[in-house]
Amino acid sequence: MKHYQDNFAHDNLPSPDLQPDYVFLDLPQFRQPEMLNCVEKLLDKHIHNGHGNAPCLRTFEYTWTYQELYEKANQIAHVLVEDLGLKSGNRVLIRSANNPMMVAVWFAVLKAGGIVVATMPLLRAKELSTIIDCAEISHAICDHSLADEMHLVKSDHLQKVCFYSNSSLEALMQHKPKTFNNYHSKSDSIALIGFTSGTTGLPKMTAHFHKDIVNICEAFPQYSLQPTQDDIFTGSPPLGFTFGLGGLVLFPLYFGASTFLIEKPTPDMLLQAIQDYKITICFTAPTAWRIITTKVKDFDISSLRKCVSAGETLPLKVWQDWYDATDLKIIDGIGATEMLHIFISSNEDNMKPGATGVAITGYEAKVVDAAGNEVAVNEPGKLMVRGITGCKYLNREDKQREYVQNGWNFTGDIFRKDEDGYFWFVARGDDMIISSGYNIAAIEVESVLLTHEEILECAVVGLPDEERGMLVCAHIVLKDCSKATDNMKNHIQHWFKEVAAPYKYPRVIYFTETLPKTETGKIQRFKLK
């Protein structure tokens, strides 16, 4: 039976035999009815439960209640169907920084039976055109402040573009009813398509169902955060990135809490928001935690109770410096766009500093060798995971076969598992440097370098070398750029050999003022290679 009038997305799902095994879906918290529009469990239920006057979306300028978000989402859903001709199953691109109107549009698309494709604000016309062509996107809704690149997009698929922020969308919404009959989607109808921040070739489209969106709200937040209606969430990841979508929209709303959205979340703005608005839960990347630690003494962050880091691995030094400064433990986690959100993490009671954590409720994980056999304790190998969500690449059978192996999802990470069942990050699969027969993980070298008092940031890559196969090469940002001399290079190399295994030391050092990063704060090592 068809899910939608426009069945493009479902027709391009990988066949069931290429999908991973889904496990733990029989646990009561993950059992969803056959018919489910996730909007009902995230937004509409609060209106029916009399929670509509509670604060929902906050910014430095204003606050929306649940009722206001509900009414705006309903009006936009009317605009989509009545004025923009949206058919169920059409893909809708959203282009915006993190703001309340973007959230209203996100809910409106699902209410109307569309499929959301939220994007990062920094994407350019060429990248947007690629996404639109890959997902055959017919509609786009864009914040007026980001209109320039949108106007440059060239695609035969795109039929309707609508702008908001004192623009055409608000004008169309004005006279629309504030109620809307949500599209009756099935729990396994596709709700969103997430594009991976892959580094090569065509981007990969990951599909997620309505039930996936609801189920992740019963997984990581229940395990690690224990949210209540009184919590106020904030963070830096864009909502176009599933880490941000979960942490800043899905989790707070599922629990009736509120979220504080910042369009350009610098470390100073995050700290200001935490102090002035008594934020309790903050999501950001390791790079930001490092910078925030150096500034935290100038702010009152006594309201903060949970700190979450994901996007890339959290160096022990960053964890320790923050703990020393604040007495708060950063909860590290690994997730993937393919899995929708975090699947290995920890909570206050079961944390080992430096470890990523254990498989959270709803997931299981193992570390295997090249043949797929589990490796011994503390041996590095490929991390495999399966659970309530899993990889469903649209229209990419070759990539699906790489990611899903024997029913398990292979995230591309190298981990080891200790005697207590804790998982420790070793390297991204493509960040292993093999030099003179030694396997050296880039992250290990970085973790050592970051303990040097003169080093602010660093990224380590392997350089091809005839004699050794590869050389360890470090790109280093010094706290004081005027010290970037050959003497400093020699000093760092000698110091490294004294504090860590000498074969790991960086034979090549480049000083730089900045490191290339994605919009989510991940270092783009491929650009350094």
Protein backbone atom coordinates (compact mmCIF):
# COMPACT_ATOMS: atom_id res chain seq x y z
CA MET A 1 0.00 0.00 0.00
CA LYS A 2 1.28 3.46 -0.84
CA HIS A 3 2.22 5.81 1.97
CA TYR A 4 1.87 9.02 -0.01
CA GLN A 5 0.58 10.48 -3.28
CA ASP A 6 4.22 11.17 -4.22
CA ASN A 7 5.98 7.92 -3.37
CA PHE A 8 9.48 8.83 -4.64
CA ALA A 9 11.12 8.43 -1.23
CA HIS A 10 9.52 5.07 -0.41
CA ASP A 11 10.22 3.74 -3.89
CA ASN A 12 13.94 4.46 -3.35
CA LEU A 13 14.30 2.83 0.06
CA PRO A 14 16.78 -0.08 0.18
CA SER A 15 15.04 -3.45 -0.04
CA PRO A 16 14.36 -5.08 3.37
CA ASP A 17 17.20 -7.59 2.89
CA LEU A 18 19.69 -4.71 2.61
CA GLN A 19 18.42 -2.95 5.71
CA PRO A 20 19.89 -3.62 9.15
CA ASP A 21 18.20 -5.80 11.76
CA TYR A 22 16.01 -3.65 14.01
CA VAL A 23 16.15 -4.82 17.61
CA PHE A 24 14.56 -3.69 20.92
CA LEU A 25 11.41 -2.50 19.12
CA ASP A 26 9.44 -4.91 21.34
CA LEU A 27 10.31 -2.91 24.48
CA PRO A 28 7.17 -1.07 25.63
CA GLN A 29 8.65 2.44 25.23
CA PHE A 30 9.49 1.75 21.56
CA ARG A 31 6.17 0.19 20.50
CA GLN A 32 4.34 2.59 18.20
CA PRO A 33 0.84 2.26 16.69
CA GLU A 34 0.51 1.44 13.00
CA MET A 35 -0.74 4.96 12.21
CA LEU A 36 1.47 7.70 13.62
CA ASN A 37 2.30 11.28 12.74
CA CYS A 38 5.18 12.17 15.07
CA VAL A 39 3.89 15.77 15.37
CA GLU A 40 1.12 14.47 17.62
CA LYS A 41 3.59 13.13 20.20
CA LEU A 42 5.93 16.12 20.01
CA LEU A 43 3.59 19.11 19.81
CA ASP A 44 -0.15 18.46 19.60
CA LYS A 45 -0.34 16.35 22.78
CA HIS A 46 0.72 19.35 24.88
CA ILE A 47 -2.25 21.34 23.61
CA HIS A 48 -4.66 18.48 24.40
CA ASN A 49 -3.04 18.02 27.86
CA GLY A 50 -3.56 21.64 28.87
CA HIS A 51 0.17 22.46 28.62
CA GLY A 52 -0.36 25.00 25.80
CA ASN A 53 0.50 28.10 27.81
CA ALA A 54 3.90 26.76 28.85
CA PRO A 55 7.00 28.29 27.22
CA CYS A 56 8.27 26.28 24.25
CA LEU A 57 10.70 28.22 22.03
CA ARG A 58 12.82 31.02 23.48
CA THR A 59 15.27 33.47 21.93
CA PHE A 60 17.08 36.58 23.15
CA GLU A 61 14.15 38.62 21.75
CA TYR A 62 10.96 36.68 22.52
CA THR A 63 9.28 33.48 23.73
CA TRP A 64 6.62 31.34 22.03
CA THR A 65 4.31 29.10 24.04
CA TYR A 66 3.35 25.61 22.86
CA GLN A 67 0.00 27.08 21.80
CA GLU A 68 1.69 29.71 19.61
CA LEU A 69 3.96 27.15 17.93
CA TYR A 70 0.95 24.86 17.39
CA GLU A 71 -1.14 27.62 15.77
CA LYS A 72 1.70 28.85 13.53
CA ALA A 73 2.54 25.31 12.40
CA ASN A 74 -1.14 24.73 11.56
CA GLN A 75 -1.37 27.98 9.57
CA ILE A 76 1.80 27.13 7.62
CA ALA A 77 0.42 23.63 6.90
CA HIS A 78 -2.66 25.32 5.35
CA VAL A 79 -0.36 27.53 3.23
CA LEU A 80 1.62 24.47 2.05
CA VAL A 81 -1.48 22.58 0.94
CA GLU A 82 -3.75 25.40 -0.24
CA ASP A 83 -1.34 27.99 -1.67
CA LEU A 84 1.80 26.01 -2.55
CA GLY A 85 0.05 22.86 -3.79
CA LEU A 86 1.95 20.41 -1.56
CA LYS A 87 1.04 16.77 -2.18
CA SER A 88 1.70 14.16 0.49
CA GLY A 89 5.19 12.72 0.14
CA ASN A 90 6.63 15.83 -1.57
CA ARG A 91 10.03 16.77 -0.20
CA VAL A 92 10.32 20.27 1.31
CA LEU A 93 13.71 21.92 1.75
CA ILE A 94 14.04 24.20 4.77
CA ARG A 95 16.84 26.77 4.71
CA SER A 96 17.28 28.69 7.92
CA ALA A 97 19.43 29.32 10.95
CA ASN A 98 18.10 28.00 14.29
CA ASN A 99 15.00 30.10 14.97
CA PRO A 100 11.39 29.54 16.07
CA MET A 101 9.95 30.03 12.59
CA MET A 102 12.16 27.23 11.24
CA VAL A 103 10.71 24.92 13.91
CA ALA A 104 7.16 25.95 12.97
CA VAL A 105 7.89 25.18 9.30
CA TRP A 106 9.42 21.81 10.27
CA PHE A 107 6.24 20.79 12.08
CA ALA A 108 4.01 22.22 9.35
CA VAL A 109 5.64 20.09 6.64
CA LEU A 110 4.96 16.90 8.64
CA LYS A 111 1.42 17.98 9.52
CA ALA A 112 0.74 18.44 5.80
CA GLY A 113 2.16 15.01 4.92
CA GLY A 114 5.41 16.29 3.42
CA ILE A 115 8.94 15.02 4.03
CA VAL A 116 11.36 17.45 5.69
CA VAL A 117 14.82 18.11 4.26
CA ALA A 118 16.38 20.63 6.66
CA THR A 119 19.71 22.10 5.56
CA MET A 120 22.62 24.00 7.10
CA PRO A 121 22.52 27.79 6.61
CA LEU A 122 26.10 27.91 5.30
CA LEU A 123 25.36 25.75 2.24
CA ARG A 124 25.84 27.47 -1.10
CA ALA A 125 23.66 27.38 -4.22
CA LYS A 126 25.69 24.60 -5.83
CA GLU A 127 25.32 22.34 -2.77
CA LEU A 128 21.63 23.20 -2.42
CA SER A 129 21.06 22.37 -6.11
CA THR A 130 22.71 18.96 -5.62
CA ILE A 131 20.47 18.20 -2.62
CA ILE A 132 17.35 19.34 -4.53
CA ASP A 133 18.24 17.16 -7.53
CA CYS A 134 19.12 14.08 -5.42
CA ALA A 135 15.90 14.19 -3.40
CA GLU A 136 13.78 15.60 -6.25
CA ILE A 137 12.63 18.39 -3.95
CA SER A 138 9.59 20.34 -5.16
CA HIS A 139 9.21 22.99 -2.44
CA ALA A 140 11.59 25.18 -0.47
CA ILE A 141 10.91 27.47 2.48
CA CYS A 142 13.73 29.85 3.27
CA ASP A 143 14.47 32.54 5.84
CA HIS A 144 14.58 35.85 3.97
CA SER A 145 18.04 36.62 5.39
CA LEU A 146 19.40 33.60 3.47
CA ALA A 147 17.60 34.38 0.20
CA ASP A 148 20.68 35.25 -1.89
CA GLU A 149 21.96 31.70 -2.38
CA MET A 150 18.40 30.38 -2.75
CA HIS A 151 17.84 32.71 -5.72
CA LEU A 152 20.94 31.22 -7.40
CA VAL A 153 19.70 27.62 -7.16
CA LYS A 154 19.15 25.96 -10.54
CA SER A 155 16.97 22.86 -10.60
CA ASP A 156 14.09 21.60 -12.73
CA HIS A 157 12.59 19.84 -9.69
CA LEU A 158 12.02 22.93 -7.58
CA GLN A 159 8.51 24.30 -8.24
CA LYS A 160 7.73 26.63 -5.33
CA VAL A 161 9.97 28.76 -3.11
CA CYS A 162 8.50 30.74 -0.22
CA PHE A 163 10.33 33.13 2.11
CA TYR A 164 9.64 34.09 5.71
CA SER A 165 10.76 36.81 8.18
CA ASN A 166 8.40 39.67 7.26
CA SER A 167 7.89 38.10 3.85
CA SER A 168 5.42 36.16 1.71
CA LEU A 169 4.88 33.26 4.13
CA GLU A 170 3.59 35.48 6.95
CA ALA A 171 1.29 37.28 4.50
CA LEU A 172 -0.18 33.94 3.38
CA MET A 173 -0.53 32.69 6.97
CA GLN A 174 -2.47 35.71 8.22
CA HIS A 175 -5.98 34.56 7.32
CA LYS A 176 -5.47 30.80 7.73
CA PRO A 177 -7.27 28.79 10.43
CA LYS A 178 -5.23 27.96 13.55
CA THR A 179 -6.27 24.31 13.48
CA PHE A 180 -5.32 21.69 10.90
CA ASN A 181 -6.18 18.01 10.38
CA ASN A 182 -2.79 16.30 10.37
CA TYR A 183 -1.97 13.92 7.52
CA HIS A 184 -2.59 10.32 8.64
CA SER A 185 0.86 8.92 8.12
CA LYS A 186 1.90 5.42 9.09
CA SER A 187 4.54 4.93 11.74
CA ASP A 188 6.87 3.65 9.00
CA SER A 189 6.17 6.51 6.58
CA ILE A 190 9.28 8.59 5.84
CA ALA A 191 9.24 11.85 7.81
CA LEU A 192 12.65 13.28 7.08
CA ILE A 193 15.66 12.89 4.83
CA GLY A 194 19.01 13.79 6.35
CA PHE A 195 21.98 14.42 4.09
CA THR A 196 25.27 13.14 5.49
CA SER A 197 28.14 15.56 5.80
CA GLY A 198 30.13 13.12 3.68
CA THR A 199 33.45 14.30 2.36
CA THR A 200 33.39 12.82 -1.11
CA GLY A 201 31.20 12.63 -4.17
CA LEU A 202 27.43 12.72 -4.14
CA PRO A 203 25.90 13.32 -0.73
CA LYS A 204 24.07 10.35 0.76
CA MET A 205 20.39 10.63 1.71
CA THR A 206 19.37 8.93 4.94
CA ALA A 207 15.64 8.33 5.45
CA HIS A 208 13.92 8.21 8.84
CA PHE A 209 10.38 7.20 9.71
CA HIS A 210 7.84 8.91 11.95
CA LYS A 211 8.35 6.16 14.55
CA ASP A 212 12.15 6.69 14.44
CA ILE A 213 11.68 10.34 15.45
CA VAL A 214 9.49 9.41 18.42
CA ASN A 215 11.65 6.46 19.47
CA ILE A 216 14.92 8.37 19.74
CA CYS A 217 13.14 10.60 22.29
CA GLU A 218 12.74 7.49 24.47
CA ALA A 219 16.41 6.49 24.00
CA PHE A 220 19.23 9.00 24.61
CA PRO A 221 17.38 11.65 26.68
CA GLN A 222 15.81 9.07 28.99
CA TYR A 223 19.19 7.36 29.42
CA SER A 224 21.46 10.37 29.84
CA LEU A 225 19.42 13.50 30.63
CA GLN A 226 16.22 12.57 32.53
CA PRO A 227 14.49 15.74 31.29
CA THR A 228 11.52 17.40 33.02
CA GLN A 229 9.11 20.14 31.93
CA ASP A 230 11.26 22.64 33.85
CA ASP A 231 14.37 22.05 31.75
CA ILE A 232 15.59 24.67 29.28
CA PHE A 233 17.77 23.26 26.47
CA THR A 234 20.24 25.17 24.32
CA GLY A 235 23.21 24.44 22.07
CA SER A 236 25.10 25.24 18.91
CA PRO A 237 24.41 22.46 16.36
CA PRO A 238 22.24 23.52 13.40
CA LEU A 239 18.76 21.96 13.20
CA GLY A 240 19.71 20.76 9.71
CA PHE A 241 22.03 18.33 11.51
CA THR A 242 20.23 15.48 13.34
CA PHE A 243 22.36 16.02 16.50
CA GLY A 244 20.89 19.55 16.66
CA LEU A 245 17.38 18.50 15.68
CA GLY A 246 17.26 15.97 18.53
CA GLY A 247 18.96 18.07 21.17
CA LEU A 248 17.25 21.38 20.43
CA VAL A 249 13.76 20.42 19.17
CA LEU A 250 12.71 16.78 19.51
CA PHE A 251 13.95 16.07 23.04
CA PRO A 252 12.80 19.29 24.75
CA LEU A 253 9.37 19.21 23.10
CA TYR A 254 8.77 15.51 23.71
CA PHE A 255 9.16 16.16 27.45
CA GLY A 256 7.24 19.45 27.50
CA ALA A 257 10.39 21.43 28.27
CA SER A 258 11.54 24.55 26.43
CA THR A 259 14.46 25.27 24.14
CA PHE A 260 16.54 28.40 23.67
CA LEU A 261 17.49 28.96 20.02
CA ILE A 262 20.49 31.05 18.96
CA GLU A 263 21.00 31.87 15.27
CA LYS A 264 24.77 32.40 15.56
CA PRO A 265 25.77 30.51 18.69
CA THR A 266 29.26 31.69 19.59
CA PRO A 267 30.75 30.43 22.88
CA ASP A 268 30.11 33.86 24.43
CA MET A 269 26.46 33.80 23.36
CA LEU A 270 25.97 30.29 24.73
CA LEU A 271 27.42 31.37 28.08
CA GLN A 272 25.34 34.57 28.08
CA ALA A 273 22.16 32.55 27.41
CA ILE A 274 22.98 30.00 30.13
CA GLN A 275 23.53 32.82 32.64
CA ASP A 276 20.60 35.10 31.71
CA TYR A 277 17.95 32.47 30.95
CA LYS A 278 18.97 29.81 33.50
CA ILE A 279 19.60 27.12 30.89
CA THR A 280 19.83 23.60 32.33
CA ILE A 281 20.98 21.41 29.39
CA CYS A 282 23.54 22.38 26.72
CA PHE A 283 24.51 20.51 23.53
CA THR A 284 27.66 21.49 21.65
CA ALA A 285 30.82 20.10 20.01
CA PRO A 286 34.19 19.40 21.67
CA THR A 287 35.79 22.44 20.00
CA ALA A 288 33.21 24.72 21.61
CA TRP A 289 33.50 23.07 25.03
CA ARG A 290 37.23 23.78 24.90
CA ILE A 291 36.70 27.49 24.20
CA ILE A 292 33.81 27.84 26.67
CA THR A 293 36.05 26.43 29.42
CA THR A 294 38.47 29.35 29.01
CA LYS A 295 35.64 31.90 29.45
CA VAL A 296 33.35 30.24 31.97
CA LYS A 297 34.71 32.04 35.05
CA ASP A 298 33.19 35.31 33.79
CA PHE A 299 29.62 33.91 33.80
CA ASP A 300 27.17 32.43 36.29
CA ILE A 301 26.30 29.00 34.93
CA SER A 302 24.94 27.58 38.20
CA SER A 303 21.65 26.57 36.51
CA LEU A 304 23.41 24.14 34.12
CA ARG A 305 22.93 20.48 35.06
CA LYS A 306 23.74 18.47 31.90
CA CYS A 307 26.41 19.06 29.26
CA VAL A 308 26.39 16.98 26.07
CA SER A 309 29.15 16.67 23.49
CA ALA A 310 28.94 14.92 20.12
CA GLY A 311 29.88 15.49 16.49
CA GLU A 312 33.41 14.22 17.02
CA THR A 313 35.25 12.56 19.86
CA LEU A 314 35.72 14.45 23.13
CA PRO A 315 39.41 14.62 24.15
CA LEU A 316 40.00 13.69 27.80
CA LYS A 317 41.77 17.01 28.41
CA VAL A 318 38.69 18.98 27.34
CA TRP A 319 36.53 16.84 29.68
CA GLN A 320 38.95 17.26 32.57
CA ASP A 321 39.48 21.03 32.14
CA TRP A 322 35.71 21.61 32.09
CA TYR A 323 35.20 19.39 35.13
CA ASP A 324 37.98 21.19 37.02
CA ALA A 325 36.43 24.56 36.15
CA THR A 326 32.76 23.72 36.81
CA ASP A 327 32.37 20.38 38.65
CA LEU A 328 30.15 19.30 35.73
CA LYS A 329 30.81 16.11 33.76
CA ILE A 330 30.40 16.37 29.99
CA ILE A 331 28.32 13.50 28.61
CA ASP A 332 30.10 12.29 25.47
CA GLY A 333 28.17 10.44 22.81
CA ILE A 334 28.54 8.98 19.36
CA GLY A 335 25.68 9.11 16.90
CA ALA A 336 25.35 9.16 13.12
CA THR A 337 23.00 10.77 10.62
CA GLU A 338 22.34 7.20 9.44
CA MET A 339 21.21 6.21 12.96
CA LEU A 340 19.41 9.54 13.53
CA HIS A 341 20.97 10.24 16.91
CA ILE A 342 23.29 9.06 19.71
CA PHE A 343 23.58 5.30 20.38
CA ILE A 344 26.61 5.05 22.69
CA SER A 345 26.87 7.42 25.65
CA SER A 346 26.92 7.59 29.44
CA ASN A 347 25.13 9.25 32.34
CA GLU A 348 26.24 10.63 35.69
CA ASP A 349 26.23 7.19 37.29
CA ASN A 350 28.22 5.20 34.73
CA MET A 351 30.83 7.51 33.29
CA LYS A 352 34.51 6.83 32.67
CA PRO A 353 36.39 10.01 31.72
CA GLY A 354 37.83 9.55 28.23
CA ALA A 355 35.45 6.72 27.25
CA THR A 356 32.53 7.38 24.90
CA GLY A 357 30.34 5.16 27.09
CA VAL A 358 28.16 2.09 26.69
CA ALA A 359 25.35 1.21 24.27
CA ILE A 360 22.28 3.07 25.54
CA THR A 361 18.86 1.41 25.99
CA GLY A 362 17.56 0.63 22.50
CA TYR A 363 20.96 -0.26 20.99
CA GLU A 364 23.71 -2.87 21.11
CA ALA A 365 27.26 -2.56 19.83
CA LYS A 366 30.31 -4.73 19.23
CA VAL A 367 33.87 -4.38 17.94
CA VAL A 368 34.88 -6.72 15.11
CA ASP A 369 37.87 -7.55 12.90
CA ALA A 370 37.96 -7.48 9.09
CA ALA A 371 36.25 -10.89 8.94
CA GLY A 372 33.40 -9.72 11.19
CA ASN A 373 34.46 -11.66 14.29
CA GLU A 374 34.41 -9.96 17.67
CA VAL A 375 37.88 -8.97 18.83
CA ALA A 376 39.45 -9.46 22.27
CA VAL A 377 39.00 -6.96 25.12
CA ASN A 378 40.81 -3.65 24.43
CA GLU A 379 41.70 -4.69 20.86
CA PRO A 380 40.82 -2.01 18.31
CA GLY A 381 38.38 -2.95 15.56
CA LYS A 382 35.37 -1.82 13.56
CA LEU A 383 32.44 -0.55 15.60
CA MET A 384 29.15 -2.24 14.64
CA VAL A 385 25.82 -1.17 16.07
CA ARG A 386 22.14 -2.05 15.72
CA GLY A 387 18.95 -1.09 17.50
CA ILE A 388 15.69 0.83 17.15
CA THR A 389 16.98 2.89 14.18
CA GLY A 390 19.30 2.06 11.30
CA CYS A 391 20.72 3.08 7.97
CA LYS A 392 18.28 3.48 5.08
CA TYR A 393 20.10 5.22 2.23
CA LEU A 394 17.79 6.26 -0.58
CA ASN A 395 18.82 5.20 -4.06
CA ARG A 396 22.40 4.13 -3.14
CA GLU A 397 22.54 0.35 -3.03
CA ASP A 398 26.38 0.35 -3.18
CA LYS A 399 26.68 2.61 -0.13
CA GLN A 400 23.94 0.72 1.71
CA ARG A 401 25.91 -2.53 1.29
CA GLU A 402 29.03 -0.82 2.73
CA TYR A 403 27.21 0.62 5.73
CA VAL A 404 25.05 -2.39 6.61
CA GLN A 405 26.95 -5.65 7.04
CA ASN A 406 25.29 -8.87 8.30
CA GLY A 407 22.40 -6.88 9.72
CA TRP A 408 24.65 -4.46 11.63
CA ASN A 409 25.42 -0.79 10.90
CA PHE A 410 29.11 0.00 10.39
CA THR A 411 29.66 3.65 11.26
CA GLY A 412 33.20 3.81 9.88
CA ASP A 413 34.76 4.23 13.33
CA ILE A 414 37.51 2.23 15.01
CA PHE A 415 36.82 1.57 18.72
CA ARG A 416 37.99 -0.71 21.48
CA LYS A 417 35.83 -2.17 24.24
CA ASP A 418 37.26 -2.52 27.74
CA GLU A 419 36.69 -5.23 30.35
CA ASP A 420 33.70 -3.32 31.79
CA GLY A 421 31.94 -3.00 28.43
CA TYR A 422 32.85 0.66 27.87
CA PHE A 423 33.61 1.77 24.32
CA TRP A 424 36.71 3.92 23.68
CA PHE A 425 37.18 5.82 20.44
CA VAL A 426 40.41 4.98 18.59
CA ALA A 427 40.02 6.63 15.17
CA ARG A 428 37.74 7.30 12.26
CA GLY A 429 38.26 4.37 9.90
CA ASP A 430 40.02 6.72 7.47
CA ASP A 431 42.10 8.46 10.19
CA MET A 432 44.43 5.54 10.89
CA ILE A 433 48.03 6.38 9.99
CA ILE A 434 50.21 3.35 9.24
CA SER A 435 53.85 4.40 9.59
CA SER A 436 56.75 1.96 9.51
CA GLY A 437 54.32 -0.84 10.37
CA TYR A 438 52.84 0.98 13.39
CA ASN A 439 49.10 1.71 13.48
CA ILE A 440 48.78 5.25 14.80
CA ALA A 441 45.37 6.84 15.39
CA ALA A 442 45.28 10.53 14.53
CA ILE A 443 43.13 11.20 17.59
CA GLU A 444 45.76 9.70 19.93
CA VAL A 445 48.39 12.10 18.65
CA GLU A 446 45.96 15.03 18.89
CA SER A 447 45.04 14.11 22.46
CA VAL A 448 48.69 14.29 23.48
CA LEU A 449 49.36 17.55 21.60
CA LEU A 450 46.36 19.22 23.24
CA THR A 451 47.96 18.81 26.67
CA HIS A 452 50.82 21.14 25.61
CA GLU A 453 50.39 24.54 27.24
CA GLU A 454 51.12 26.48 24.04
CA ILE A 455 48.70 24.55 21.77
CA LEU A 456 45.12 25.78 21.30
CA GLU A 457 43.90 23.36 18.61
CA CYS A 458 45.37 20.73 16.34
CA ALA A 459 44.48 18.21 13.67
CA VAL A 460 46.63 15.25 12.68
CA VAL A 461 46.69 13.51 9.29
CA GLY A 462 48.90 11.00 7.52
CA LEU A 463 51.15 12.17 4.68
CA PRO A 464 52.26 9.61 2.06
CA ASP A 465 55.97 8.82 2.37
CA GLU A 466 58.07 6.42 0.28
CA GLU A 467 60.26 5.27 3.14
CA ARG A 468 57.73 4.87 5.97
CA GLY A 469 54.46 4.49 4.07
CA MET A 470 53.02 7.49 5.93
CA LEU A 471 54.27 10.28 8.13
CA VAL A 472 52.39 11.75 11.09
CA CYS A 473 51.67 15.37 10.19
CA ALA A 474 50.24 17.85 12.72
CA HIS A 475 48.49 21.10 11.83
CA ILE A 476 48.71 23.20 14.97
CA VAL A 477 47.03 26.44 16.09
CA LEU A 478 49.12 28.07 18.82
CA LYS A 479 47.59 30.22 21.56
CA ASP A 480 50.15 32.87 20.60
CA CYS A 481 50.75 32.87 16.83
CA SER A 482 53.96 34.88 17.19
CA LYS A 483 55.63 31.77 18.64
CA ALA A 484 55.20 29.80 15.38
CA THR A 485 58.91 29.20 14.73
CA ASP A 486 61.13 26.27 13.76
CA ASN A 487 62.41 26.26 17.33
CA MET A 488 58.85 25.75 18.57
CA LYS A 489 58.42 22.81 16.13
CA ASN A 490 61.57 21.16 17.49
CA HIS A 491 60.50 21.82 21.06
CA ILE A 492 57.05 20.23 20.49
CA GLN A 493 58.61 17.17 18.82
CA HIS A 494 61.10 16.59 21.67
CA TRP A 495 58.43 17.19 24.29
CA PHE A 496 56.07 14.73 22.56
CA LYS A 497 58.66 11.92 22.63
CA GLU A 498 59.02 12.42 26.38
CA VAL A 499 55.31 12.24 27.18
CA ALA A 500 54.12 9.60 24.65
CA ALA A 501 55.36 6.69 22.55
CA PRO A 502 58.11 8.21 20.37
CA TYR A 503 56.97 6.39 17.19
CA LYS A 504 53.75 8.47 17.30
CA TYR A 505 55.46 11.88 17.29
CA PRO A 506 54.58 14.30 14.46
CA ARG A 507 57.51 14.24 12.03
CA VAL A 508 55.92 17.11 10.11
CA ILE A 509 54.40 20.18 11.82
CA TYR A 510 52.58 23.04 10.13
CA PHE A 511 51.49 26.08 12.13
CA THR A 512 48.21 27.62 11.02
CA GLU A 513 45.89 30.34 12.32
CA THR A 514 42.70 28.29 11.88
CA LEU A 515 41.64 24.73 11.09
CA PRO A 516 39.03 24.00 8.39
CA LYS A 517 35.75 22.95 10.04
CA THR A 518 32.27 21.94 8.99
CA GLU A 519 29.34 24.00 10.16
CA THR A 520 28.84 21.52 12.98
CA GLY A 521 32.36 22.11 14.31
CA LYS A 522 33.97 18.92 12.97
CA ILE A 523 37.53 19.36 11.75
CA GLN A 524 37.72 18.64 8.00
CA ARG A 525 40.84 16.48 8.01
CA PHE A 526 40.38 15.61 4.34
CA LYS A 527 41.14 19.25 3.49
CA LEU A 528 44.42 18.97 5.39
CA LYS A 529 45.38 15.82 3.49
